[in-house]
Each structure stands twice: as C-alpha cells, then as structure tokens.
Amino acid sequence: MNSYQPQPGPDLYNKVRGSFVSNGTSLGKWCRENGSSIQAAKSCLTGTWNGPKGRELRQRLIEASGVADSVRSAA
C-alpha cells in the first residue's frame, strides 16, 4: 500500500482539519480519542515536529481524516 506523503505546512494542517469537519467530526476529537494532543497534531502537520514520531502521527492523521483518499481519487 502506498502512503500519501504530502509536504507539511499550514496548507496540510488546514486540509486535514477541514476534512475532519466535513466528515462531521473534528481534529480535536480525533486527538482526544487517540491519545494525542492538538498541539502535537498541529506541530506534525505544519512540520515543526518532523522526527519519526511526528511523521508517524502526521501519516495517521492524513489517513484518518480522509485527505489521502481525496488525493488518490483526484489522481
């Protein structure tokens, strides 16, 4: 399975956040349910936390939000 690896930054943060909202939930709710903090989520999505754990969390958020699916279907 290929993983969608977008460039971290403010656009990615907004896409992920918006995708959660369009699916009837929120980034904050996902973080609470998955043992993460909203600060960690924002840091990994914007690229200020870019180590192995940050990259792992970023990929989990991309998959959970559906951003990866929307990019794959547009391709």
Protein backbone atom coordinates (compact mmCIF):
# COMPACT_ATOMS: atom_id res chain seq x y z
CA MET A 1 0.00 0.00 0.00
CA ASN A 2 1.42 3.38 -0.98
CA SER A 3 1.27 6.07 1.66
CA TYR A 4 0.36 9.59 0.71
CA GLN A 5 3.28 11.78 1.79
CA PRO A 6 2.35 15.45 1.41
CA GLN A 7 4.60 18.31 2.37
CA PRO A 8 3.93 19.50 5.90
CA GLY A 9 2.85 23.10 6.28
CA PRO A 10 -0.14 25.33 7.01
CA ASP A 11 -1.98 24.05 3.92
CA LEU A 12 -1.76 20.44 5.09
CA TYR A 13 -2.97 21.43 8.57
CA ASN A 14 -5.97 23.23 7.05
CA LYS A 15 -6.76 20.32 4.68
CA VAL A 16 -6.68 17.74 7.46
CA ARG A 17 -8.69 19.91 9.83
CA GLY A 18 -11.24 20.72 7.12
CA SER A 19 -11.56 17.08 6.13
CA PHE A 20 -12.38 16.07 9.70
CA VAL A 21 -15.04 18.80 9.85
CA SER A 22 -16.54 17.82 6.51
CA ASN A 23 -16.82 14.27 7.86
CA GLY A 24 -18.79 15.51 10.87
CA THR A 25 -16.06 15.39 13.49
CA SER A 26 -13.01 17.45 14.45
CA LEU A 27 -9.26 17.24 14.71
CA GLY A 28 -9.52 17.86 18.45
CA LYS A 29 -11.96 15.00 18.92
CA TRP A 30 -9.70 12.64 16.97
CA CYS A 31 -6.75 13.69 19.15
CA ARG A 32 -8.67 13.09 22.38
CA GLU A 33 -9.87 9.66 21.20
CA ASN A 34 -6.39 8.64 20.05
CA GLY A 35 -4.27 9.83 22.98
CA SER A 36 -2.65 12.77 21.24
CA SER A 37 -2.66 16.48 21.93
CA ILE A 38 -3.94 19.06 19.49
CA GLN A 39 -0.58 20.83 19.83
CA ALA A 40 1.27 17.70 18.72
CA ALA A 41 -1.12 17.28 15.79
CA LYS A 42 -0.65 20.87 14.65
CA SER A 43 3.14 20.64 15.05
CA CYS A 44 3.45 17.47 13.00
CA LEU A 45 1.10 18.71 10.28
CA THR A 46 2.88 22.05 9.93
CA GLY A 47 6.33 20.43 10.05
CA THR A 48 7.72 21.88 13.26
CA TRP A 49 7.73 18.35 14.74
CA ASN A 50 9.26 16.31 11.95
CA GLY A 51 11.05 13.44 13.65
CA PRO A 52 10.00 9.80 13.35
CA LYS A 53 7.12 10.10 15.84
CA GLY A 54 5.92 13.34 14.24
CA ARG A 55 5.96 11.77 10.78
CA GLU A 56 4.08 8.73 12.10
CA LEU A 57 1.39 10.91 13.70
CA ARG A 58 1.15 13.00 10.52
CA GLN A 59 0.52 9.88 8.44
CA ARG A 60 -2.11 8.63 10.90
CA LEU A 61 -3.89 11.98 10.75
CA ILE A 62 -3.80 12.08 6.96
CA GLU A 63 -5.29 8.60 6.74
CA ALA A 64 -7.91 9.16 9.47
CA SER A 65 -9.07 12.47 8.03
CA GLY A 66 -9.59 11.09 4.54
CA VAL A 67 -7.20 13.58 2.92
CA ALA A 68 -5.22 10.72 1.39
CA ASP A 69 -8.37 9.23 -0.13
CA SER A 70 -9.42 12.52 -1.70
CA VAL A 71 -5.97 12.94 -3.28
CA ARG A 72 -5.94 9.38 -4.60
CA SER A 73 -9.40 9.73 -6.15
CA ALA A 74 -8.42 13.03 -7.81
CA ALA A 75 -5.36 11.43 -9.42
